[in-house]
All heavy atoms as atom14 arrays in JSON, in Angstrom:
{
  "sequence": "PTGEHYQVIHPFAPFSLPVSQVPVCDAAELHAAE",
  "atom14_mask": [
    [1, 1, 1, 1, 1, 1, 1, 0, 0, 0, 0, 0, 0, 0],
    [1, 1, 1, 1, 1, 1, 1, 0, 0, 0, 0, 0, 0, 0],
    [1, 1, 1, 1, 0, 0, 0, 0, 0, 0, 0, 0, 0, 0],
    [1, 1, 1, 1, 1, 1, 1, 1, 1, 0, 0, 0, 0, 0],
    [1, 1, 1, 1, 1, 1, 1, 1, 1, 1, 0, 0, 0, 0],
    [1, 1, 1, 1, 1, 1, 1, 1, 1, 1, 1, 1, 0, 0],
    [1, 1, 1, 1, 1, 1, 1, 1, 1, 0, 0, 0, 0, 0],
    [1, 1, 1, 1, 1, 1, 1, 0, 0, 0, 0, 0, 0, 0],
    [1, 1, 1, 1, 1, 1, 1, 1, 0, 0, 0, 0, 0, 0],
    [1, 1, 1, 1, 1, 1, 1, 1, 1, 1, 0, 0, 0, 0],
    [1, 1, 1, 1, 1, 1, 1, 0, 0, 0, 0, 0, 0, 0],
    [1, 1, 1, 1, 1, 1, 1, 1, 1, 1, 1, 0, 0, 0],
    [1, 1, 1, 1, 1, 0, 0, 0, 0, 0, 0, 0, 0, 0],
    [1, 1, 1, 1, 1, 1, 1, 0, 0, 0, 0, 0, 0, 0],
    [1, 1, 1, 1, 1, 1, 1, 1, 1, 1, 1, 0, 0, 0],
    [1, 1, 1, 1, 1, 1, 0, 0, 0, 0, 0, 0, 0, 0],
    [1, 1, 1, 1, 1, 1, 1, 1, 0, 0, 0, 0, 0, 0],
    [1, 1, 1, 1, 1, 1, 1, 0, 0, 0, 0, 0, 0, 0],
    [1, 1, 1, 1, 1, 1, 1, 0, 0, 0, 0, 0, 0, 0],
    [1, 1, 1, 1, 1, 1, 0, 0, 0, 0, 0, 0, 0, 0],
    [1, 1, 1, 1, 1, 1, 1, 1, 1, 0, 0, 0, 0, 0],
    [1, 1, 1, 1, 1, 1, 1, 0, 0, 0, 0, 0, 0, 0],
    [1, 1, 1, 1, 1, 1, 1, 0, 0, 0, 0, 0, 0, 0],
    [1, 1, 1, 1, 1, 1, 1, 0, 0, 0, 0, 0, 0, 0],
    [1, 1, 1, 1, 1, 1, 0, 0, 0, 0, 0, 0, 0, 0],
    [1, 1, 1, 1, 1, 1, 1, 1, 0, 0, 0, 0, 0, 0],
    [1, 1, 1, 1, 1, 0, 0, 0, 0, 0, 0, 0, 0, 0],
    [1, 1, 1, 1, 1, 0, 0, 0, 0, 0, 0, 0, 0, 0],
    [1, 1, 1, 1, 1, 1, 1, 1, 1, 0, 0, 0, 0, 0],
    [1, 1, 1, 1, 1, 1, 1, 1, 0, 0, 0, 0, 0, 0],
    [1, 1, 1, 1, 1, 1, 1, 1, 1, 1, 0, 0, 0, 0],
    [1, 1, 1, 1, 1, 0, 0, 0, 0, 0, 0, 0, 0, 0],
    [1, 1, 1, 1, 1, 0, 0, 0, 0, 0, 0, 0, 0, 0],
    [1, 1, 1, 1, 1, 1, 1, 1, 1, 0, 0, 0, 0, 0]
  ],
  "atom14_positions": [
    [[88.78, 116.24, 117.73], [87.92, 116.79, 118.79], [87.47, 115.74, 119.73], [87.18, 114.58, 119.37], [86.75, 117.39, 118.0], [86.71, 116.63, 116.7], [88.16, 116.29, 116.41], [0.0, 0.0, 0.0], [0.0, 0.0, 0.0], [0.0, 0.0, 0.0], [0.0, 0.0, 0.0], [0.0, 0.0, 0.0], [0.0, 0.0, 0.0], [0.0, 0.0, 0.0]],
    [[87.3, 116.09, 121.0], [86.86, 115.16, 122.05], [85.44, 114.73, 121.75], [84.61, 115.55, 121.32], [86.94, 115.85, 123.43], [88.29, 116.23, 123.65], [86.51, 114.85, 124.51], [0.0, 0.0, 0.0], [0.0, 0.0, 0.0], [0.0, 0.0, 0.0], [0.0, 0.0, 0.0], [0.0, 0.0, 0.0], [0.0, 0.0, 0.0], [0.0, 0.0, 0.0]],
    [[85.14, 113.46, 121.93], [83.78, 112.95, 121.74], [83.58, 112.4, 120.38], [82.53, 111.82, 120.12], [0.0, 0.0, 0.0], [0.0, 0.0, 0.0], [0.0, 0.0, 0.0], [0.0, 0.0, 0.0], [0.0, 0.0, 0.0], [0.0, 0.0, 0.0], [0.0, 0.0, 0.0], [0.0, 0.0, 0.0], [0.0, 0.0, 0.0], [0.0, 0.0, 0.0]],
    [[84.48, 112.59, 119.44], [84.36, 112.06, 118.09], [85.07, 110.71, 117.96], [85.98, 110.4, 118.74], [84.93, 113.03, 117.04], [84.23, 114.38, 117.0], [82.92, 114.31, 116.25], [82.63, 113.22, 115.67], [82.21, 115.31, 116.23], [0.0, 0.0, 0.0], [0.0, 0.0, 0.0], [0.0, 0.0, 0.0], [0.0, 0.0, 0.0], [0.0, 0.0, 0.0]],
    [[84.6, 109.89, 117.06], [85.3, 108.66, 116.73], [86.05, 108.83, 115.44], [85.58, 109.51, 114.53], [84.26, 107.53, 116.57], [83.39, 107.34, 117.8], [82.15, 107.95, 117.89], [83.54, 106.6, 118.91], [81.6, 107.61, 119.06], [82.43, 106.8, 119.69], [0.0, 0.0, 0.0], [0.0, 0.0, 0.0], [0.0, 0.0, 0.0], [0.0, 0.0, 0.0]],
    [[87.19, 108.2, 115.35], [88.01, 108.41, 114.18], [88.91, 107.2, 113.98], [89.01, 106.31, 114.86], [88.85, 109.71, 114.25], [89.75, 109.8, 115.45], [91.08, 109.43, 115.4], [89.26, 110.25, 116.71], [91.9, 109.48, 116.48], [90.09, 110.31, 117.8], [91.42, 109.95, 117.71], [92.24, 110.03, 118.78], [0.0, 0.0, 0.0], [0.0, 0.0, 0.0]],
    [[89.54, 107.19, 112.83], [90.44, 106.09, 112.47], [91.88, 106.39, 112.84], [92.36, 107.54, 112.78], [90.41, 105.83, 110.95], [89.08, 105.6, 110.38], [89.12, 105.45, 108.85], [89.95, 104.73, 108.33], [88.25, 106.18, 108.15], [0.0, 0.0, 0.0], [0.0, 0.0, 0.0], [0.0, 0.0, 0.0], [0.0, 0.0, 0.0], [0.0, 0.0, 0.0]],
    [[92.63, 105.35, 113.28], [94.06, 105.46, 113.46], [94.71, 104.42, 112.53], [94.44, 103.23, 112.69], [94.44, 105.19, 114.93], [95.97, 105.28, 115.09], [93.76, 106.19, 115.85], [0.0, 0.0, 0.0], [0.0, 0.0, 0.0], [0.0, 0.0, 0.0], [0.0, 0.0, 0.0], [0.0, 0.0, 0.0], [0.0, 0.0, 0.0], [0.0, 0.0, 0.0]],
    [[95.47, 104.91, 111.59], [96.16, 104.02, 110.64], [97.57, 103.79, 111.18], [98.38, 104.72, 111.23], [96.17, 104.61, 109.22], [94.73, 104.82, 108.74], [96.91, 103.63, 108.28], [94.59, 105.48, 107.41], [0.0, 0.0, 0.0], [0.0, 0.0, 0.0], [0.0, 0.0, 0.0], [0.0, 0.0, 0.0], [0.0, 0.0, 0.0], [0.0, 0.0, 0.0]],
    [[97.91, 102.55, 111.47], [99.2, 102.22, 112.05], [100.26, 101.91, 110.97], [99.87, 101.42, 109.89], [99.03, 101.05, 113.01], [98.08, 101.29, 114.12], [98.47, 101.8, 115.33], [96.75, 101.13, 114.21], [97.45, 101.94, 116.15], [96.37, 101.52, 115.47], [0.0, 0.0, 0.0], [0.0, 0.0, 0.0], [0.0, 0.0, 0.0], [0.0, 0.0, 0.0]],
    [[101.51, 102.14, 111.25], [102.55, 101.76, 110.32], [102.62, 100.23, 110.17], [102.28, 99.52, 111.08], [103.83, 102.32, 110.9], [103.53, 102.46, 112.37], [102.05, 102.79, 112.45], [0.0, 0.0, 0.0], [0.0, 0.0, 0.0], [0.0, 0.0, 0.0], [0.0, 0.0, 0.0], [0.0, 0.0, 0.0], [0.0, 0.0, 0.0], [0.0, 0.0, 0.0]],
    [[103.09, 99.8, 109.03], [103.18, 98.37, 108.79], [104.29, 97.75, 109.66], [105.36, 98.29, 109.82], [103.49, 98.08, 107.32], [103.84, 96.65, 107.0], [102.9, 95.64, 107.11], [105.14, 96.34, 106.69], [103.23, 94.32, 106.85], [105.51, 94.99, 106.41], [104.56, 94.02, 106.52], [0.0, 0.0, 0.0], [0.0, 0.0, 0.0], [0.0, 0.0, 0.0]],
    [[103.94, 96.58, 110.24], [104.91, 95.81, 110.98], [104.91, 94.37, 110.5], [103.85, 93.73, 110.53], [104.57, 95.88, 112.5], [0.0, 0.0, 0.0], [0.0, 0.0, 0.0], [0.0, 0.0, 0.0], [0.0, 0.0, 0.0], [0.0, 0.0, 0.0], [0.0, 0.0, 0.0], [0.0, 0.0, 0.0], [0.0, 0.0, 0.0], [0.0, 0.0, 0.0]],
    [[106.03, 93.86, 110.02], [106.02, 92.43, 109.51], [105.56, 91.43, 110.57], [105.77, 91.66, 111.77], [107.49, 92.21, 109.17], [108.07, 93.6, 108.96], [107.32, 94.47, 109.95], [0.0, 0.0, 0.0], [0.0, 0.0, 0.0], [0.0, 0.0, 0.0], [0.0, 0.0, 0.0], [0.0, 0.0, 0.0], [0.0, 0.0, 0.0], [0.0, 0.0, 0.0]],
    [[104.93, 90.39, 110.12], [104.44, 89.37, 111.01], [104.74, 87.98, 110.48], [105.02, 87.81, 109.29], [102.92, 89.53, 111.25], [102.11, 89.42, 109.96], [101.65, 88.22, 109.53], [101.83, 90.55, 109.23], [100.9, 88.1, 108.35], [101.11, 90.47, 108.07], [100.61, 89.26, 107.65], [0.0, 0.0, 0.0], [0.0, 0.0, 0.0], [0.0, 0.0, 0.0]],
    [[104.71, 86.99, 111.35], [104.93, 85.61, 110.96], [103.61, 84.87, 111.02], [102.71, 85.16, 111.8], [105.96, 84.92, 111.87], [107.19, 85.61, 111.82], [0.0, 0.0, 0.0], [0.0, 0.0, 0.0], [0.0, 0.0, 0.0], [0.0, 0.0, 0.0], [0.0, 0.0, 0.0], [0.0, 0.0, 0.0], [0.0, 0.0, 0.0], [0.0, 0.0, 0.0]],
    [[103.48, 83.87, 110.15], [102.26, 83.05, 110.16], [102.33, 81.95, 111.18], [103.3, 81.18, 111.25], [102.06, 82.4, 108.78], [101.52, 83.24, 107.67], [101.52, 82.47, 106.35], [100.12, 83.74, 108.0], [0.0, 0.0, 0.0], [0.0, 0.0, 0.0], [0.0, 0.0, 0.0], [0.0, 0.0, 0.0], [0.0, 0.0, 0.0], [0.0, 0.0, 0.0]],
    [[101.34, 81.86, 112.08], [101.29, 80.73, 113.0], [100.94, 79.47, 112.28], [100.06, 79.44, 111.4], [100.2, 81.13, 114.0], [99.31, 82.03, 113.23], [100.21, 82.77, 112.29], [0.0, 0.0, 0.0], [0.0, 0.0, 0.0], [0.0, 0.0, 0.0], [0.0, 0.0, 0.0], [0.0, 0.0, 0.0], [0.0, 0.0, 0.0], [0.0, 0.0, 0.0]],
    [[101.62, 78.37, 112.57], [101.41, 77.09, 111.88], [101.13, 76.02, 112.92], [101.81, 75.91, 113.95], [102.66, 76.66, 111.08], [102.39, 75.35, 110.35], [103.03, 77.74, 110.08], [0.0, 0.0, 0.0], [0.0, 0.0, 0.0], [0.0, 0.0, 0.0], [0.0, 0.0, 0.0], [0.0, 0.0, 0.0], [0.0, 0.0, 0.0], [0.0, 0.0, 0.0]],
    [[100.11, 75.25, 112.71], [99.74, 74.13, 113.59], [99.5, 72.89, 112.75], [99.26, 72.97, 111.54], [98.5, 74.48, 114.42], [97.39, 74.73, 113.57], [0.0, 0.0, 0.0], [0.0, 0.0, 0.0], [0.0, 0.0, 0.0], [0.0, 0.0, 0.0], [0.0, 0.0, 0.0], [0.0, 0.0, 0.0], [0.0, 0.0, 0.0], [0.0, 0.0, 0.0]],
    [[99.58, 71.77, 113.38], [99.37, 70.48, 112.73], [98.27, 69.7, 113.37], [98.16, 69.63, 114.61], [100.66, 69.64, 112.73], [101.77, 70.21, 111.87], [102.87, 69.17, 111.59], [102.8, 68.06, 111.99], [103.93, 69.67, 110.9], [0.0, 0.0, 0.0], [0.0, 0.0, 0.0], [0.0, 0.0, 0.0], [0.0, 0.0, 0.0], [0.0, 0.0, 0.0]],
    [[97.37, 69.14, 112.54], [96.24, 68.37, 113.04], [96.27, 67.02, 112.32], [96.14, 66.95, 111.1], [94.89, 69.08, 112.79], [93.74, 68.21, 113.25], [94.86, 70.42, 113.48], [0.0, 0.0, 0.0], [0.0, 0.0, 0.0], [0.0, 0.0, 0.0], [0.0, 0.0, 0.0], [0.0, 0.0, 0.0], [0.0, 0.0, 0.0], [0.0, 0.0, 0.0]],
    [[96.43, 65.89, 113.07], [96.44, 64.59, 112.41], [95.01, 64.14, 112.08], [94.07, 64.33, 112.88], [97.06, 63.68, 113.45], [96.76, 64.36, 114.78], [96.74, 65.81, 114.47], [0.0, 0.0, 0.0], [0.0, 0.0, 0.0], [0.0, 0.0, 0.0], [0.0, 0.0, 0.0], [0.0, 0.0, 0.0], [0.0, 0.0, 0.0], [0.0, 0.0, 0.0]],
    [[94.78, 63.56, 110.92], [93.49, 63.04, 110.49], [93.7, 61.68, 109.81], [94.76, 61.4, 109.26], [92.79, 63.98, 109.51], [92.38, 65.3, 110.18], [93.64, 64.25, 108.26], [0.0, 0.0, 0.0], [0.0, 0.0, 0.0], [0.0, 0.0, 0.0], [0.0, 0.0, 0.0], [0.0, 0.0, 0.0], [0.0, 0.0, 0.0], [0.0, 0.0, 0.0]],
    [[92.67, 60.81, 109.94], [92.77, 59.46, 109.38], [92.22, 59.34, 107.97], [92.76, 58.59, 107.14], [92.03, 58.5, 110.33], [92.81, 58.3, 111.94], [0.0, 0.0, 0.0], [0.0, 0.0, 0.0], [0.0, 0.0, 0.0], [0.0, 0.0, 0.0], [0.0, 0.0, 0.0], [0.0, 0.0, 0.0], [0.0, 0.0, 0.0], [0.0, 0.0, 0.0]],
    [[91.08, 60.02, 107.7], [90.46, 59.86, 106.4], [89.74, 61.16, 106.02], [89.81, 62.15, 106.73], [89.45, 58.71, 106.48], [88.47, 58.8, 107.64], [88.1, 59.93, 108.02], [88.1, 57.77, 108.18], [0.0, 0.0, 0.0], [0.0, 0.0, 0.0], [0.0, 0.0, 0.0], [0.0, 0.0, 0.0], [0.0, 0.0, 0.0], [0.0, 0.0, 0.0]],
    [[89.03, 61.1, 104.86], [88.4, 62.31, 104.33], [87.28, 62.83, 105.25], [87.14, 64.04, 105.41], [87.8, 61.99, 102.95], [0.0, 0.0, 0.0], [0.0, 0.0, 0.0], [0.0, 0.0, 0.0], [0.0, 0.0, 0.0], [0.0, 0.0, 0.0], [0.0, 0.0, 0.0], [0.0, 0.0, 0.0], [0.0, 0.0, 0.0], [0.0, 0.0, 0.0]],
    [[86.55, 61.93, 105.88], [85.51, 62.37, 106.78], [86.07, 63.09, 107.99], [85.55, 64.16, 108.41], [84.68, 61.15, 107.24], [0.0, 0.0, 0.0], [0.0, 0.0, 0.0], [0.0, 0.0, 0.0], [0.0, 0.0, 0.0], [0.0, 0.0, 0.0], [0.0, 0.0, 0.0], [0.0, 0.0, 0.0], [0.0, 0.0, 0.0], [0.0, 0.0, 0.0]],
    [[87.14, 62.55, 108.52], [87.76, 63.21, 109.67], [88.41, 64.53, 109.25], [88.43, 65.51, 110.04], [88.77, 62.3, 110.29], [89.38, 62.83, 111.59], [90.25, 61.85, 112.32], [90.13, 60.64, 112.06], [91.08, 62.28, 113.15], [0.0, 0.0, 0.0], [0.0, 0.0, 0.0], [0.0, 0.0, 0.0], [0.0, 0.0, 0.0], [0.0, 0.0, 0.0]],
    [[88.95, 64.6, 108.03], [89.49, 65.82, 107.53], [88.45, 66.93, 107.45], [88.69, 68.07, 107.9], [90.14, 65.59, 106.13], [90.59, 66.85, 105.37], [91.64, 67.59, 106.16], [91.05, 66.49, 103.96], [0.0, 0.0, 0.0], [0.0, 0.0, 0.0], [0.0, 0.0, 0.0], [0.0, 0.0, 0.0], [0.0, 0.0, 0.0], [0.0, 0.0, 0.0]],
    [[87.28, 66.59, 106.92], [86.21, 67.58, 106.82], [85.78, 68.05, 108.2], [85.59, 69.23, 108.41], [85.0, 66.99, 106.09], [83.83, 67.91, 105.99], [83.81, 68.99, 105.14], [82.66, 67.91, 106.64], [82.67, 69.64, 105.3], [81.92, 68.96, 106.19], [0.0, 0.0, 0.0], [0.0, 0.0, 0.0], [0.0, 0.0, 0.0], [0.0, 0.0, 0.0]],
    [[85.67, 67.14, 109.11], [85.25, 67.48, 110.48], [86.28, 68.37, 111.16], [85.97, 69.32, 111.84], [84.98, 66.2, 111.32], [0.0, 0.0, 0.0], [0.0, 0.0, 0.0], [0.0, 0.0, 0.0], [0.0, 0.0, 0.0], [0.0, 0.0, 0.0], [0.0, 0.0, 0.0], [0.0, 0.0, 0.0], [0.0, 0.0, 0.0], [0.0, 0.0, 0.0]],
    [[87.57, 68.05, 110.93], [88.62, 68.85, 111.51], [88.68, 70.24, 110.92], [88.92, 71.25, 111.67], [89.98, 68.13, 111.34], [0.0, 0.0, 0.0], [0.0, 0.0, 0.0], [0.0, 0.0, 0.0], [0.0, 0.0, 0.0], [0.0, 0.0, 0.0], [0.0, 0.0, 0.0], [0.0, 0.0, 0.0], [0.0, 0.0, 0.0], [0.0, 0.0, 0.0]],
    [[88.44, 70.38, 109.65], [88.38, 71.72, 109.03], [87.28, 72.53, 109.64], [87.46, 73.73, 109.9], [88.18, 71.55, 107.51], [89.39, 71.0, 106.78], [89.09, 70.74, 105.3], [87.92, 70.49, 104.95], [90.03, 70.8, 104.47], [0.0, 0.0, 0.0], [0.0, 0.0, 0.0], [0.0, 0.0, 0.0], [0.0, 0.0, 0.0], [0.0, 0.0, 0.0]]
  ]
}
């Protein structure tokens, strides 16, 4: 019905994980980067 809010469940679509690299020097920099 018009004016109501409802859910739309979409079919599954495979996806890929984005991967990035971050260089760090030591544990302190690793924590800050995280």
